[in-house]
Amino acid sequence: MPTHLGLRLPSYFERRRLKEAKALEPVVFAPVRRNPLKPQIKIKMHQSIHGRFKDGKHYDLEAGKSYWVDQEKADEFIVKNYASGILSRPYSDDEMANIRSNIQVITNFSQEGLTNG
């Protein structure tokens, strides 16, 4: 072991171990916001729907197919007649009118008015 003025110098492996120990920091656990699974309802789509959920995730539901969707969205699609299924709870006429107040429907473009000329 090398010494300098009577002091013992650490070996290469000891220096490496000390360096690695300094590089390690204690683990700090951050609280995790738990998001329990929401109840799902099976619906069959009548119209294709494309959009985003509140959390920013994109959804693309095609007409004629069945999907499992969160209760809130499933009820909205059923009330707006975008899909068929069973509502999670009974809705009053006022609630249904409020949900239907922002229906967006895109219809097919008709070729009847066009002429070749």
PDB file of N, CA and C in Angstrom:
ATOM      1  N   MET A   1       0.835  -1.176   0.000  1.00  0.00           N
ATOM      2  CA  MET A   1       0.000   0.000   0.000  1.00  0.00           C
ATOM      3  C   MET A   1       0.880   1.239   0.000  1.00  0.00           C
ATOM      4  N   PRO A   2       0.564   2.154  -0.899  1.00  0.00           N
ATOM      5  CA  PRO A   2       1.378   3.367  -0.956  1.00  0.00           C
ATOM      6  C   PRO A   2       1.118   4.255   0.253  1.00  0.00           C
ATOM      7  N   THR A   3       2.166   4.843   0.721  1.00  0.00           N
ATOM      8  CA  THR A   3       2.023   5.794   1.832  1.00  0.00           C
ATOM      9  C   THR A   3       2.724   7.078   1.438  1.00  0.00           C
ATOM     10  N   HIS A   4       2.258   8.155   1.985  1.00  0.00           N
ATOM     11  CA  HIS A   4       2.858   9.455   1.725  1.00  0.00           C
ATOM     12  C   HIS A   4       2.892  10.199   3.045  1.00  0.00           C
ATOM     13  N   LEU A   5       4.055  10.462   3.514  1.00  0.00           N
ATOM     14  CA  LEU A   5       4.250  11.119   4.803  1.00  0.00           C
ATOM     15  C   LEU A   5       3.553  10.379   5.927  1.00  0.00           C
ATOM     16  N   GLY A   6       3.573   9.078   5.828  1.00  0.00           N
ATOM     17  CA  GLY A   6       3.005   8.277   6.891  1.00  0.00           C
ATOM     18  C   GLY A   6       1.505   8.061   6.777  1.00  0.00           C
ATOM     19  N   LEU A   7       0.863   8.665   5.768  1.00  0.00           N
ATOM     20  CA  LEU A   7      -0.571   8.474   5.578  1.00  0.00           C
ATOM     21  C   LEU A   7      -0.812   7.404   4.528  1.00  0.00           C
ATOM     22  N   ARG A   8      -1.796   6.602   4.789  1.00  0.00           N
ATOM     23  CA  ARG A   8      -2.140   5.541   3.863  1.00  0.00           C
ATOM     24  C   ARG A   8      -3.051   6.104   2.779  1.00  0.00           C
ATOM     25  N   LEU A   9      -2.701   5.905   1.503  1.00  0.00           N
ATOM     26  CA  LEU A   9      -3.516   6.338   0.385  1.00  0.00           C
ATOM     27  C   LEU A   9      -4.439   5.192  -0.027  1.00  0.00           C
ATOM     28  N   PRO A  10      -5.666   5.496  -0.392  1.00  0.00           N
ATOM     29  CA  PRO A  10      -6.571   4.412  -0.787  1.00  0.00           C
ATOM     30  C   PRO A  10      -6.139   3.789  -2.111  1.00  0.00           C
ATOM     31  N   SER A  11      -6.388   2.504  -2.236  1.00  0.00           N
ATOM     32  CA  SER A  11      -6.038   1.789  -3.470  1.00  0.00           C
ATOM     33  C   SER A  11      -7.020   2.192  -4.575  1.00  0.00           C
ATOM     34  N   TYR A  12      -6.728   1.725  -5.779  1.00  0.00           N
ATOM     35  CA  TYR A  12      -7.589   2.039  -6.920  1.00  0.00           C
ATOM     36  C   TYR A  12      -9.017   1.578  -6.660  1.00  0.00           C
ATOM     37  N   PHE A  13      -9.187   0.368  -6.150  1.00  0.00           N
ATOM     38  CA  PHE A  13     -10.523  -0.171  -5.915  1.00  0.00           C
ATOM     39  C   PHE A  13     -11.247   0.583  -4.809  1.00  0.00           C
ATOM     40  N   GLU A  14     -10.529   0.993  -3.795  1.00  0.00           N
ATOM     41  CA  GLU A  14     -11.152   1.777  -2.726  1.00  0.00           C
ATOM     42  C   GLU A  14     -11.594   3.138  -3.244  1.00  0.00           C
ATOM     43  N   ARG A  15     -10.746   3.779  -4.098  1.00  0.00           N
ATOM     44  CA  ARG A  15     -11.114   5.073  -4.679  1.00  0.00           C
ATOM     45  C   ARG A  15     -12.347   4.934  -5.570  1.00  0.00           C
ATOM     46  N   ARG A  16     -12.366   3.854  -6.335  1.00  0.00           N
ATOM     47  CA  ARG A  16     -13.515   3.615  -7.223  1.00  0.00           C
ATOM     48  C   ARG A  16     -14.790   3.402  -6.414  1.00  0.00           C
ATOM     49  N   ARG A  17     -14.713   2.609  -5.353  1.00  0.00           N
ATOM     50  CA  ARG A  17     -15.879   2.360  -4.505  1.00  0.00           C
ATOM     51  C   ARG A  17     -16.369   3.642  -3.866  1.00  0.00           C
ATOM     52  N   LEU A  18     -15.442   4.483  -3.396  1.00  0.00           N
ATOM     53  CA  LEU A  18     -15.825   5.760  -2.795  1.00  0.00           C
ATOM     54  C   LEU A  18     -16.467   6.687  -3.828  1.00  0.00           C
ATOM     55  N   LYS A  19     -15.928   6.677  -5.045  1.00  0.00           N
ATOM     56  CA  LYS A  19     -16.468   7.515  -6.109  1.00  0.00           C
ATOM     57  C   LYS A  19     -17.888   7.069  -6.462  1.00  0.00           C
ATOM     58  N   GLU A  20     -18.087   5.755  -6.570  1.00  0.00           N
ATOM     59  CA  GLU A  20     -19.415   5.233  -6.888  1.00  0.00           C
ATOM     60  C   GLU A  20     -20.393   5.507  -5.759  1.00  0.00           C
ATOM     61  N   ALA A  21     -19.941   5.434  -4.528  1.00  0.00           N
ATOM     62  CA  ALA A  21     -20.806   5.699  -3.384  1.00  0.00           C
ATOM     63  C   ALA A  21     -21.251   7.159  -3.375  1.00  0.00           C
ATOM     64  N   LYS A  22     -20.354   8.064  -3.778  1.00  0.00           N
ATOM     65  CA  LYS A  22     -20.720   9.476  -3.829  1.00  0.00           C
ATOM     66  C   LYS A  22     -21.717   9.732  -4.961  1.00  0.00           C
ATOM     67  N   ALA A  23     -21.595   8.969  -6.063  1.00  0.00           N
ATOM     68  CA  ALA A  23     -22.479   9.158  -7.204  1.00  0.00           C
ATOM     69  C   ALA A  23     -23.899   8.698  -6.892  1.00  0.00           C
ATOM     70  N   LEU A  24     -24.027   7.720  -6.006  1.00  0.00           N
ATOM     71  CA  LEU A  24     -25.353   7.228  -5.651  1.00  0.00           C
ATOM     72  C   LEU A  24     -26.043   8.221  -4.723  1.00  0.00           C
ATOM     73  N   GLU A  25     -27.291   8.455  -5.025  1.00  0.00           N
ATOM     74  CA  GLU A  25     -28.085   9.327  -4.172  1.00  0.00           C
ATOM     75  C   GLU A  25     -29.223   8.508  -3.594  1.00  0.00           C
ATOM     76  N   PRO A  26     -29.692   8.898  -2.436  1.00  0.00           N
ATOM     77  CA  PRO A  26     -30.794   8.130  -1.862  1.00  0.00           C
ATOM     78  C   PRO A  26     -32.047   8.235  -2.730  1.00  0.00           C
ATOM     79  N   VAL A  27     -32.810   7.179  -2.755  1.00  0.00           N
ATOM     80  CA  VAL A  27     -34.039   7.142  -3.536  1.00  0.00           C
ATOM     81  C   VAL A  27     -35.120   7.893  -2.779  1.00  0.00           C
ATOM     82  N   VAL A  28     -35.771   8.793  -3.474  1.00  0.00           N
ATOM     83  CA  VAL A  28     -36.880   9.539  -2.892  1.00  0.00           C
ATOM     84  C   VAL A  28     -38.147   9.072  -3.596  1.00  0.00           C
ATOM     85  N   PHE A  29     -39.071   8.549  -2.844  1.00  0.00           N
ATOM     86  CA  PHE A  29     -40.311   8.052  -3.424  1.00  0.00           C
ATOM     87  C   PHE A  29     -41.319   9.194  -3.493  1.00  0.00           C
ATOM     88  N   ALA A  30     -41.835   9.427  -4.693  1.00  0.00           N
ATOM     89  CA  ALA A  30     -42.844  10.461  -4.890  1.00  0.00           C
ATOM     90  C   ALA A  30     -44.220   9.831  -4.726  1.00  0.00           C
ATOM     91  N   PRO A  31     -45.149  10.571  -4.176  1.00  0.00           N
ATOM     92  CA  PRO A  31     -46.489  10.004  -4.049  1.00  0.00           C
ATOM     93  C   PRO A  31     -47.097   9.782  -5.436  1.00  0.00           C
ATOM     94  N   VAL A  32     -47.775   8.671  -5.594  1.00  0.00           N
ATOM     95  CA  VAL A  32     -48.378   8.324  -6.872  1.00  0.00           C
ATOM     96  C   VAL A  32     -49.881   8.524  -6.758  1.00  0.00           C
ATOM     97  N   ARG A  33     -50.417   9.260  -7.716  1.00  0.00           N
ATOM     98  CA  ARG A  33     -51.866   9.456  -7.724  1.00  0.00           C
ATOM     99  C   ARG A  33     -52.505   8.221  -8.340  1.00  0.00           C
ATOM    100  N   ARG A  34     -53.207   7.514  -7.546  1.00  0.00           N
ATOM    101  CA  ARG A  34     -53.814   6.277  -8.017  1.00  0.00           C
ATOM    102  C   ARG A  34     -55.067   6.601  -8.820  1.00  0.00           C
ATOM    103  N   ASN A  35     -55.175   5.943  -9.937  1.00  0.00           N
ATOM    104  CA  ASN A  35     -56.335   6.108 -10.796  1.00  0.00           C
ATOM    105  C   ASN A  35     -57.022   4.757 -10.918  1.00  0.00           C
ATOM    106  N   PRO A  36     -57.975   4.491 -10.033  1.00  0.00           N
ATOM    107  CA  PRO A  36     -58.632   3.192 -10.123  1.00  0.00           C
ATOM    108  C   PRO A  36     -59.390   3.078 -11.443  1.00  0.00           C
ATOM    109  N   LEU A  37     -59.531   1.864 -11.909  1.00  0.00           N
ATOM    110  CA  LEU A  37     -60.249   1.654 -13.161  1.00  0.00           C
ATOM    111  C   LEU A  37     -61.689   2.098 -13.020  1.00  0.00           C
ATOM    112  N   LYS A  38     -62.146   2.802 -14.021  1.00  0.00           N
ATOM    113  CA  LYS A  38     -63.538   3.245 -14.021  1.00  0.00           C
ATOM    114  C   LYS A  38     -64.402   2.114 -14.572  1.00  0.00           C
ATOM    115  N   PRO A  39     -65.645   2.046 -14.121  1.00  0.00           N
ATOM    116  CA  PRO A  39     -66.534   1.017 -14.662  1.00  0.00           C
ATOM    117  C   PRO A  39     -66.733   1.216 -16.165  1.00  0.00           C
ATOM    118  N   GLN A  40     -66.793   0.117 -16.885  1.00  0.00           N
ATOM    119  CA  GLN A  40     -66.920   0.168 -18.335  1.00  0.00           C
ATOM    120  C   GLN A  40     -68.273  -0.393 -18.764  1.00  0.00           C
ATOM    121  N   ILE A  41     -68.768   0.119 -19.884  1.00  0.00           N
ATOM    122  CA  ILE A  41     -70.029  -0.336 -20.463  1.00  0.00           C
ATOM    123  C   ILE A  41     -69.758  -0.726 -21.911  1.00  0.00           C
ATOM    124  N   LYS A  42     -70.356  -1.822 -22.341  1.00  0.00           N
ATOM    125  CA  LYS A  42     -70.191  -2.250 -23.723  1.00  0.00           C
ATOM    126  C   LYS A  42     -71.248  -1.549 -24.584  1.00  0.00           C
ATOM    127  N   ILE A  43     -70.770  -0.918 -25.659  1.00  0.00           N
ATOM    128  CA  ILE A  43     -71.672  -0.218 -26.572  1.00  0.00           C
ATOM    129  C   ILE A  43     -71.387  -0.675 -27.997  1.00  0.00           C
ATOM    130  N   LYS A  44     -72.395  -0.563 -28.851  1.00  0.00           N
ATOM    131  CA  LYS A  44     -72.215  -0.835 -30.284  1.00  0.00           C
ATOM    132  C   LYS A  44     -72.417   0.481 -31.015  1.00  0.00           C
ATOM    133  N   MET A  45     -71.416   0.873 -31.767  1.00  0.00           N
ATOM    134  CA  MET A  45     -71.423   2.172 -32.428  1.00  0.00           C
ATOM    135  C   MET A  45     -72.323   2.152 -33.667  1.00  0.00           C
ATOM    136  N   HIS A  46     -73.092   3.245 -33.860  1.00  0.00           N
ATOM    137  CA  HIS A  46     -73.891   3.457 -35.060  1.00  0.00           C
ATOM    138  C   HIS A  46     -73.175   4.418 -36.001  1.00  0.00           C
ATOM    139  N   GLN A  47     -72.372   5.301 -35.433  1.00  0.00           N
ATOM    140  CA  GLN A  47     -71.624   6.290 -36.207  1.00  0.00           C
ATOM    141  C   GLN A  47     -70.166   6.244 -35.765  1.00  0.00           C
ATOM    142  N   SER A  48     -69.270   6.536 -36.669  1.00  0.00           N
ATOM    143  CA  SER A  48     -67.849   6.602 -36.316  1.00  0.00           C
ATOM    144  C   SER A  48     -67.590   7.896 -35.552  1.00  0.00           C
ATOM    145  N   ILE A  49     -66.763   7.788 -34.525  1.00  0.00           N
ATOM    146  CA  ILE A  49     -66.461   8.947 -33.688  1.00  0.00           C
ATOM    147  C   ILE A  49     -64.951   9.027 -33.496  1.00  0.00           C
ATOM    148  N   HIS A  50     -64.422  10.221 -33.641  1.00  0.00           N
ATOM    149  CA  HIS A  50     -63.001  10.486 -33.426  1.00  0.00           C
ATOM    150  C   HIS A  50     -62.907  11.665 -32.476  1.00  0.00           C
ATOM    151  N   GLY A  51     -62.028  11.595 -31.497  1.00  0.00           N
ATOM    152  CA  GLY A  51     -61.896  12.706 -30.558  1.00  0.00           C
ATOM    153  C   GLY A  51     -60.841  12.436 -29.514  1.00  0.00           C
ATOM    154  N   ARG A  52     -60.886  13.245 -28.454  1.00  0.00           N
ATOM    155  CA  ARG A  52     -59.941  13.124 -27.352  1.00  0.00           C
ATOM    156  C   ARG A  52     -60.697  13.087 -26.026  1.00  0.00           C
ATOM    157  N   PHE A  53     -60.185  12.242 -25.122  1.00  0.00           N
ATOM    158  CA  PHE A  53     -60.716  12.214 -23.768  1.00  0.00           C
ATOM    159  C   PHE A  53     -60.185  13.411 -22.994  1.00  0.00           C
ATOM    160  N   LYS A  54     -60.684  13.604 -21.784  1.00  0.00           N
ATOM    161  CA  LYS A  54     -60.245  14.728 -20.954  1.00  0.00           C
ATOM    162  C   LYS A  54     -58.754  14.666 -20.640  1.00  0.00           C
ATOM    163  N   ASP A  55     -58.216  13.448 -20.547  1.00  0.00           N
ATOM    164  CA  ASP A  55     -56.790  13.297 -20.232  1.00  0.00           C
ATOM    165  C   ASP A  55     -55.895  13.459 -21.456  1.00  0.00           C
ATOM    166  N   GLY A  56     -56.493  13.758 -22.621  1.00  0.00           N
ATOM    167  CA  GLY A  56     -55.699  14.017 -23.818  1.00  0.00           C
ATOM    168  C   GLY A  56     -55.500  12.813 -24.715  1.00  0.00           C
ATOM    169  N   LYS A  57     -55.930  11.646 -24.290  1.00  0.00           N
ATOM    170  CA  LYS A  57     -55.762  10.454 -25.115  1.00  0.00           C
ATOM    171  C   LYS A  57     -56.761  10.479 -26.272  1.00  0.00           C
ATOM    172  N   HIS A  58     -56.307  10.013 -27.420  1.00  0.00           N
ATOM    173  CA  HIS A  58     -57.113  10.019 -28.637  1.00  0.00           C
ATOM    174  C   HIS A  58     -57.951   8.750 -28.705  1.00  0.00           C
ATOM    175  N   TYR A  59     -59.184   8.874 -29.174  1.00  0.00           N
ATOM    176  CA  TYR A  59     -59.993   7.685 -29.412  1.00  0.00           C
ATOM    177  C   TYR A  59     -60.549   7.720 -30.830  1.00  0.00           C
ATOM    178  N   ASP A  60     -60.731   6.536 -31.395  1.00  0.00           N
ATOM    179  CA  ASP A  60     -61.227   6.371 -32.749  1.00  0.00           C
ATOM    180  C   ASP A  60     -62.158   5.165 -32.727  1.00  0.00           C
ATOM    181  N   LEU A  61     -63.462   5.414 -32.689  1.00  0.00           N
ATOM    182  CA  LEU A  61     -64.453   4.351 -32.595  1.00  0.00           C
ATOM    183  C   LEU A  61     -65.180   4.241 -33.922  1.00  0.00           C
ATOM    184  N   GLU A  62     -65.145   3.071 -34.542  1.00  0.00           N
ATOM    185  CA  GLU A  62     -65.725   2.874 -35.863  1.00  0.00           C
ATOM    186  C   GLU A  62     -67.160   2.367 -35.769  1.00  0.00           C
ATOM    187  N   ALA A  63     -67.980   2.803 -36.726  1.00  0.00           N
ATOM    188  CA  ALA A  63     -69.379   2.379 -36.775  1.00  0.00           C
ATOM    189  C   ALA A  63     -69.463   0.881 -37.027  1.00  0.00           C
ATOM    190  N   GLY A  64     -70.447   0.243 -36.383  1.00  0.00           N
ATOM    191  CA  GLY A  64     -70.676  -1.186 -36.581  1.00  0.00           C
ATOM    192  C   GLY A  64     -69.889  -2.087 -35.646  1.00  0.00           C
ATOM    193  N   LYS A  65     -68.950  -1.528 -34.891  1.00  0.00           N
ATOM    194  CA  LYS A  65     -68.140  -2.332 -33.972  1.00  0.00           C
ATOM    195  C   LYS A  65     -68.583  -2.095 -32.531  1.00  0.00           C
ATOM    196  N   SER A  66     -68.279  -3.053 -31.672  1.00  0.00           N
ATOM    197  CA  SER A  66     -68.588  -2.941 -30.249  1.00  0.00           C
ATOM    198  C   SER A  66     -67.322  -2.591 -29.479  1.00  0.00           C
ATOM    199  N   TYR A  67     -67.481  -1.760 -28.451  1.00  0.00           N
ATOM    200  CA  TYR A  67     -66.354  -1.311 -27.638  1.00  0.00           C
ATOM    201  C   TYR A  67     -66.750  -1.278 -26.169  1.00  0.00           C
ATOM    202  N   TRP A  68     -65.756  -1.442 -25.299  1.00  0.00           N
ATOM    203  CA  TRP A  68     -65.922  -1.211 -23.866  1.00  0.00           C
ATOM    204  C   TRP A  68     -65.426   0.202 -23.594  1.00  0.00           C
ATOM    205  N   VAL A  69     -66.305   1.055 -23.052  1.00  0.00           N
ATOM    206  CA  VAL A  69     -65.999   2.471 -22.849  1.00  0.00           C
ATOM    207  C   VAL A  69     -66.374   2.845 -21.416  1.00  0.00           C
ATOM    208  N   ASP A  70     -65.685   3.850 -20.860  1.00  0.00           N
ATOM    209  CA  ASP A  70     -66.020   4.344 -19.523  1.00  0.00           C
ATOM    210  C   ASP A  70     -67.495   4.749 -19.472  1.00  0.00           C
ATOM    211  N   GLN A  71     -68.109   4.594 -18.303  1.00  0.00           N
ATOM    212  CA  GLN A  71     -69.534   4.884 -18.133  1.00  0.00           C
ATOM    213  C   GLN A  71     -69.912   6.272 -18.629  1.00  0.00           C
ATOM    214  N   GLU A  72     -69.126   7.257 -18.244  1.00  0.00           N
ATOM    215  CA  GLU A  72     -69.450   8.643 -18.590  1.00  0.00           C
ATOM    216  C   GLU A  72     -69.531   8.838 -20.106  1.00  0.00           C
ATOM    217  N   LYS A  73     -68.504   8.353 -20.829  1.00  0.00           N
ATOM    218  CA  LYS A  73     -68.483   8.491 -22.286  1.00  0.00           C
ATOM    219  C   LYS A  73     -69.544   7.614 -22.928  1.00  0.00           C
ATOM    220  N   ALA A  74     -69.747   6.410 -22.409  1.00  0.00           N
ATOM    221  CA  ALA A  74     -70.753   5.506 -22.975  1.00  0.00           C
ATOM    222  C   ALA A  74     -72.137   6.134 -22.872  1.00  0.00           C
ATOM    223  N   ASP A  75     -72.464   6.698 -21.719  1.00  0.00           N
ATOM    224  CA  ASP A  75     -73.760   7.356 -21.551  1.00  0.00           C
ATOM    225  C   ASP A  75     -73.910   8.521 -22.528  1.00  0.00           C
ATOM    226  N   GLU A  76     -72.845   9.288 -22.701  1.00  0.00           N
ATOM    227  CA  GLU A  76     -72.890  10.418 -23.627  1.00  0.00           C
ATOM    228  C   GLU A  76     -73.167   9.927 -25.055  1.00  0.00           C
ATOM    229  N   PHE A  77     -72.474   8.877 -25.491  1.00  0.00           N
ATOM    230  CA  PHE A  77     -72.651   8.361 -26.848  1.00  0.00           C
ATOM    231  C   PHE A  77     -74.051   7.782 -27.037  1.00  0.00           C
ATOM    232  N   ILE A  78     -74.578   7.108 -26.014  1.00  0.00           N
ATOM    233  CA  ILE A  78     -75.915   6.514 -26.110  1.00  0.00           C
ATOM    234  C   ILE A  78     -76.976   7.598 -26.171  1.00  0.00           C
ATOM    235  N   VAL A  79     -76.867   8.619 -25.325  1.00  0.00           N
ATOM    236  CA  VAL A  79     -77.850   9.704 -25.304  1.00  0.00           C
ATOM    237  C   VAL A  79     -77.830  10.478 -26.619  1.00  0.00           C
ATOM    238  N   LYS A  80     -76.656  10.648 -27.208  1.00  0.00           N
ATOM    239  CA  LYS A  80     -76.541  11.378 -28.474  1.00  0.00           C
ATOM    240  C   LYS A  80     -76.881  10.505 -29.686  1.00  0.00           C
ATOM    241  N   ASN A  81     -77.261   9.249 -29.440  1.00  0.00           N
ATOM    242  CA  ASN A  81     -77.603   8.281 -30.491  1.00  0.00           C
ATOM    243  C   ASN A  81     -76.433   7.970 -31.406  1.00  0.00           C
ATOM    244  N   TYR A  82     -75.220   8.080 -30.904  1.00  0.00           N
ATOM    245  CA  TYR A  82     -74.044   7.634 -31.642  1.00  0.00           C
ATOM    246  C   TYR A  82     -73.865   6.133 -31.490  1.00  0.00           C
ATOM    247  N   ALA A  83     -74.440   5.570 -30.415  1.00  0.00           N
ATOM    248  CA  ALA A  83     -74.250   4.158 -30.103  1.00  0.00           C
ATOM    249  C   ALA A  83     -75.487   3.618 -29.402  1.00  0.00           C
ATOM    250  N   SER A  84     -75.558   2.282 -29.331  1.00  0.00           N
ATOM    251  CA  SER A  84     -76.634   1.664 -28.565  1.00  0.00           C
ATOM    252  C   SER A  84     -76.014   0.899 -27.408  1.00  0.00           C
ATOM    253  N   GLY A  85     -76.743   0.855 -26.322  1.00  0.00           N
ATOM    254  CA  GLY A  85     -76.274   0.170 -25.121  1.00  0.00           C
ATOM    255  C   GLY A  85     -77.195   0.497 -23.964  1.00  0.00           C
ATOM    256  N   ILE A  86     -76.791   0.102 -22.774  1.00  0.00           N
ATOM    257  CA  ILE A  86     -77.596   0.337 -21.577  1.00  0.00           C
ATOM    258  C   ILE A  86     -76.979   1.494 -20.802  1.00  0.00           C
ATOM    259  N   LEU A  87     -77.792   2.483 -20.464  1.00  0.00           N
ATOM    260  CA  LEU A  87     -77.314   3.622 -19.676  1.00  0.00           C
ATOM    261  C   LEU A  87     -76.950   3.165 -18.272  1.00  0.00           C
ATOM    262  N   SER A  88     -75.956   3.806 -17.693  1.00  0.00           N
ATOM    263  CA  SER A  88     -75.508   3.423 -16.352  1.00  0.00           C
ATOM    264  C   SER A  88     -76.488   3.869 -15.276  1.00  0.00           C
ATOM    265  N   ARG A  89     -77.279   4.891 -15.584  1.00  0.00           N
ATOM    266  CA  ARG A  89     -78.279   5.388 -14.629  1.00  0.00           C
ATOM    267  C   ARG A  89     -79.376   6.094 -15.414  1.00  0.00           C
ATOM    268  N   PRO A  90     -80.547   6.290 -14.794  1.00  0.00           N
ATOM    269  CA  PRO A  90     -81.605   7.028 -15.494  1.00  0.00           C
ATOM    270  C   PRO A  90     -81.268   8.529 -15.551  1.00  0.00           C
ATOM    271  N   TYR A  91     -81.518   9.130 -16.689  1.00  0.00           N
ATOM    272  CA  TYR A  91     -81.267  10.560 -16.879  1.00  0.00           C
ATOM    273  C   TYR A  91     -82.597  11.292 -17.002  1.00  0.00           C
ATOM    274  N   SER A  92     -82.656  12.491 -16.439  1.00  0.00           N
ATOM    275  CA  SER A  92     -83.849  13.320 -16.586  1.00  0.00           C
ATOM    276  C   SER A  92     -83.846  13.941 -17.975  1.00  0.00           C
ATOM    277  N   ASP A  93     -84.991  14.483 -18.378  1.00  0.00           N
ATOM    278  CA  ASP A  93     -85.085  15.123 -19.692  1.00  0.00           C
ATOM    279  C   ASP A  93     -84.144  16.318 -19.797  1.00  0.00           C
ATOM    280  N   ASP A  94     -83.988  17.061 -18.697  1.00  0.00           N
ATOM    281  CA  ASP A  94     -83.086  18.216 -18.703  1.00  0.00           C
ATOM    282  C   ASP A  94     -81.636  17.782 -18.898  1.00  0.00           C
ATOM    283  N   GLU A  95     -81.233  16.703 -18.223  1.00  0.00           N
ATOM    284  CA  GLU A  95     -79.869  16.198 -18.381  1.00  0.00           C
ATOM    285  C   GLU A  95     -79.623  15.724 -19.812  1.00  0.00           C
ATOM    286  N   MET A  96     -80.592  15.025 -20.364  1.00  0.00           N
ATOM    287  CA  MET A  96     -80.438  14.539 -21.732  1.00  0.00           C
ATOM    288  C   MET A  96     -80.382  15.703 -22.720  1.00  0.00           C
ATOM    289  N   ALA A  97     -81.190  16.726 -22.499  1.00  0.00           N
ATOM    290  CA  ALA A  97     -81.153  17.902 -23.376  1.00  0.00           C
ATOM    291  C   ALA A  97     -79.803  18.607 -23.270  1.00  0.00           C
ATOM    292  N   ASN A  98     -79.242  18.650 -22.071  1.00  0.00           N
ATOM    293  CA  ASN A  98     -77.934  19.270 -21.869  1.00  0.00           C
ATOM    294  C   ASN A  98     -76.838  18.481 -22.595  1.00  0.00           C
ATOM    295  N   ILE A  99     -76.905  17.167 -22.537  1.00  0.00           N
ATOM    296  CA  ILE A  99     -75.913  16.334 -23.217  1.00  0.00           C
ATOM    297  C   ILE A  99     -76.052  16.477 -24.729  1.00  0.00           C
ATOM    298  N   ARG A 100     -77.292  16.525 -25.216  1.00  0.00           N
ATOM    299  CA  ARG A 100     -77.533  16.622 -26.660  1.00  0.00           C
ATOM    300  C   ARG A 100     -77.278  18.021 -27.220  1.00  0.00           C
ATOM    301  N   SER A 101     -77.040  18.987 -26.357  1.00  0.00           N
ATOM    302  CA  SER A 101     -76.877  20.374 -26.819  1.00  0.00           C
ATOM    303  C   SER A 101     -75.643  20.573 -27.689  1.00  0.00           C
ATOM    304  N   ASN A 102     -74.679  19.697 -27.611  1.00  0.00           N
ATOM    305  CA  ASN A 102     -73.464  19.871 -28.412  1.00  0.00           C
ATOM    306  C   ASN A 102     -73.208  18.682 -29.340  1.00  0.00           C
ATOM    307  N   ILE A 103     -74.249  18.202 -29.996  1.00  0.00           N
ATOM    308  CA  ILE A 103     -74.106  17.111 -30.966  1.00  0.00           C
ATOM    309  C   ILE A 103     -73.480  17.661 -32.234  1.00  0.00           C
ATOM    310  N   GLN A 104     -72.507  16.927 -32.754  1.00  0.00           N
ATOM    311  CA  GLN A 104     -71.883  17.282 -34.032  1.00  0.00           C
ATOM    312  C   GLN A 104     -72.035  16.106 -34.973  1.00  0.00           C
ATOM    313  N   VAL A 105     -72.683  16.338 -36.097  1.00  0.00           N
ATOM    314  CA  VAL A 105     -72.888  15.283 -37.076  1.00  0.00           C
ATOM    315  C   VAL A 105     -72.367  15.775 -38.413  1.00  0.00           C
ATOM    316  N   ILE A 106     -71.566  14.953 -39.053  1.00  0.00           N
ATOM    317  CA  ILE A 106     -71.081  15.254 -40.398  1.00  0.00           C
ATOM    318  C   ILE A 106     -71.800  14.308 -41.340  1.00  0.00           C
ATOM    319  N   THR A 107     -72.536  14.868 -42.278  1.00  0.00           N
ATOM    320  CA  THR A 107     -73.289  14.034 -43.209  1.00  0.00           C
ATOM    321  C   THR A 107     -72.461  13.776 -44.458  1.00  0.00           C
ATOM    322  N   ASN A 108     -72.866  12.763 -45.207  1.00  0.00           N
ATOM    323  CA  ASN A 108     -72.186  12.433 -46.450  1.00  0.00           C
ATOM    324  C   ASN A 108     -72.455  13.512 -47.487  1.00  0.00           C
ATOM    325  N   PHE A 109     -71.464  13.816 -48.298  1.00  0.00           N
ATOM    326  CA  PHE A 109     -71.606  14.798 -49.360  1.00  0.00           C
ATOM    327  C   PHE A 109     -72.407  14.175 -50.490  1.00  0.00           C
ATOM    328  N   SER A 110     -73.440  14.850 -50.943  1.00  0.00           N
ATOM    329  CA  SER A 110     -74.284  14.325 -51.995  1.00  0.00           C
ATOM    330  C   SER A 110     -73.710  14.687 -53.369  1.00  0.00           C
ATOM    331  N   GLN A 111     -73.652  13.719 -54.254  1.00  0.00           N
ATOM    332  CA  GLN A 111     -73.146  13.914 -55.609  1.00  0.00           C
ATOM    333  C   GLN A 111     -74.241  14.321 -56.573  1.00  0.00           C
ATOM    334  N   GLU A 112     -75.501  14.392 -56.116  1.00  0.00           N
ATOM    335  CA  GLU A 112     -76.630  14.626 -57.010  1.00  0.00           C
ATOM    336  C   GLU A 112     -76.560  15.986 -57.704  1.00  0.00           C
ATOM    337  N   GLY A 113     -76.093  16.989 -57.032  1.00  0.00           N
ATOM    338  CA  GLY A 113     -76.080  18.334 -57.591  1.00  0.00           C
ATOM    339  C   GLY A 113     -74.944  18.587 -58.561  1.00  0.00           C
ATOM    340  N   LEU A 114     -73.988  17.674 -58.672  1.00  0.00           N
ATOM    341  CA  LEU A 114     -72.843  17.882 -59.537  1.00  0.00           C
ATOM    342  C   LEU A 114     -73.129  17.372 -60.947  1.00  0.00           C
ATOM    343  N   THR A 115     -72.644  18.100 -61.925  1.00  0.00           N
ATOM    344  CA  THR A 115     -72.780  17.662 -63.309  1.00  0.00           C
ATOM    345  C   THR A 115     -71.419  17.663 -63.967  1.00  0.00           C
ATOM    346  N   ASN A 116     -71.224  16.786 -64.913  1.00  0.00           N
ATOM    347  CA  ASN A 116     -69.995  16.766 -65.683  1.00  0.00           C
ATOM    348  C   ASN A 116     -70.166  17.711 -66.867  1.00  0.00           C
ATOM    349  N   GLY A 117     -69.257  18.589 -67.026  1.00  0.00           N
ATOM    350  CA  GLY A 117     -69.464  19.478 -68.140  1.00  0.00           C
ATOM    351  C   GLY A 117     -68.298  20.240 -68.450  1.00  0.00           C
TER     352      GLY A 117
END
